Amino acid sequence: MDNDDTRRSGADWFNEGIKCFNKPDGVGAVRAFEAVVKIDPAYRHKDWPNALYWGEKTIAEDPDNYRHQELVSEVKKQMK
């Protein structure tokens, strides 16, 4: 996907994040996660868990990823 996030929905970004996560493309997954959270921190896509789930899953696989830790912390605060 191009870098113009103004034309994408939460669903578009969520799908991009899943695709990047499965490549694996950590940078792309983080970018997509940030975009979904910016649109809606509690976004849930069909039967998939919300963006927070994927952020936590990424942290579990890469515990030294401080940017993801920061994002997940921000999302948890917003969802309270």
Protein backbone atom coordinates (compact mmCIF):
# COMPACT_ATOMS: atom_id res chain seq x y z
CA MET A 1 0.00 0.00 0.00
CA ASP A 2 1.16 3.54 -0.57
CA ASN A 3 1.95 5.87 2.30
CA ASP A 4 -1.20 8.01 1.93
CA ASP A 5 -3.23 6.88 4.93
CA THR A 6 -5.97 9.49 4.46
CA ARG A 7 -7.88 7.30 1.98
CA ARG A 8 -7.78 4.04 3.96
CA SER A 9 -10.30 2.73 6.41
CA GLY A 10 -9.58 0.85 9.60
CA ALA A 11 -10.36 -2.35 7.70
CA ASP A 12 -7.81 -1.49 5.01
CA TRP A 13 -5.12 -0.83 7.59
CA PHE A 14 -6.05 -3.91 9.61
CA ASN A 15 -5.69 -6.12 6.53
CA GLU A 16 -2.37 -4.46 5.72
CA GLY A 17 -1.17 -5.12 9.27
CA ILE A 18 -2.08 -8.81 9.08
CA LYS A 19 -0.33 -9.12 5.72
CA CYS A 20 2.80 -7.43 7.07
CA PHE A 21 2.74 -9.43 10.29
CA ASN A 22 2.62 -12.67 8.33
CA LYS A 23 5.51 -11.72 5.97
CA PRO A 24 7.10 -10.88 8.56
CA ASP A 25 7.44 -7.15 8.06
CA GLY A 26 7.65 -5.60 11.52
CA VAL A 27 7.94 -2.03 10.25
CA GLY A 28 4.84 -2.38 8.08
CA ALA A 29 2.92 -4.09 10.87
CA VAL A 30 3.76 -1.27 13.30
CA ARG A 31 2.74 1.36 10.75
CA ALA A 32 -0.57 -0.39 10.15
CA PHE A 33 -1.17 -0.89 13.89
CA GLU A 34 -0.59 2.82 14.51
CA ALA A 35 -3.03 3.75 11.74
CA VAL A 36 -5.79 1.44 13.01
CA VAL A 37 -5.39 2.74 16.56
CA LYS A 38 -5.50 6.33 15.32
CA ILE A 39 -8.82 5.63 13.57
CA ASP A 40 -10.35 3.59 16.41
CA PRO A 41 -8.43 2.13 19.37
CA ALA A 42 -11.09 -0.56 19.91
CA TYR A 43 -11.39 -1.47 16.22
CA ARG A 44 -12.47 -5.07 15.66
CA HIS A 45 -12.39 -6.62 12.19
CA LYS A 46 -15.07 -9.27 11.46
CA ASP A 47 -14.21 -12.27 13.61
CA TRP A 48 -10.63 -11.18 14.22
CA PRO A 49 -9.47 -9.83 17.57
CA ASN A 50 -8.96 -6.11 17.83
CA ALA A 51 -5.77 -4.25 17.01
CA LEU A 52 -4.66 -4.44 20.63
CA TYR A 53 -4.55 -8.23 20.36
CA TRP A 54 -2.14 -8.03 17.43
CA GLY A 55 0.01 -5.47 19.21
CA GLU A 56 0.26 -7.74 22.24
CA LYS A 57 1.01 -10.75 20.02
CA THR A 58 3.84 -8.84 18.38
CA ILE A 59 5.27 -7.90 21.77
CA ALA A 60 5.16 -11.57 22.79
CA GLU A 61 7.20 -12.46 19.70
CA ASP A 62 9.57 -9.48 20.00
CA PRO A 63 9.67 -8.42 23.67
CA ASP A 64 12.41 -5.84 23.08
CA ASN A 65 10.25 -3.84 20.64
CA TYR A 66 9.83 -0.68 22.70
CA ARG A 67 7.70 1.09 20.09
CA HIS A 68 5.12 -1.68 20.23
CA GLN A 69 5.20 -1.63 24.02
CA GLU A 70 4.49 2.10 23.92
CA LEU A 71 1.64 1.70 21.42
CA VAL A 72 -0.01 -1.11 23.36
CA SER A 73 0.21 0.93 26.55
CA GLU A 74 -1.42 3.94 24.83
CA VAL A 75 -4.24 1.80 23.42
CA LYS A 76 -4.97 0.22 26.80
CA LYS A 77 -5.30 3.70 28.32
CA GLN A 78 -7.66 4.82 25.54
CA MET A 79 -9.86 1.75 25.91
CA LYS A 80 -10.52 2.29 29.62
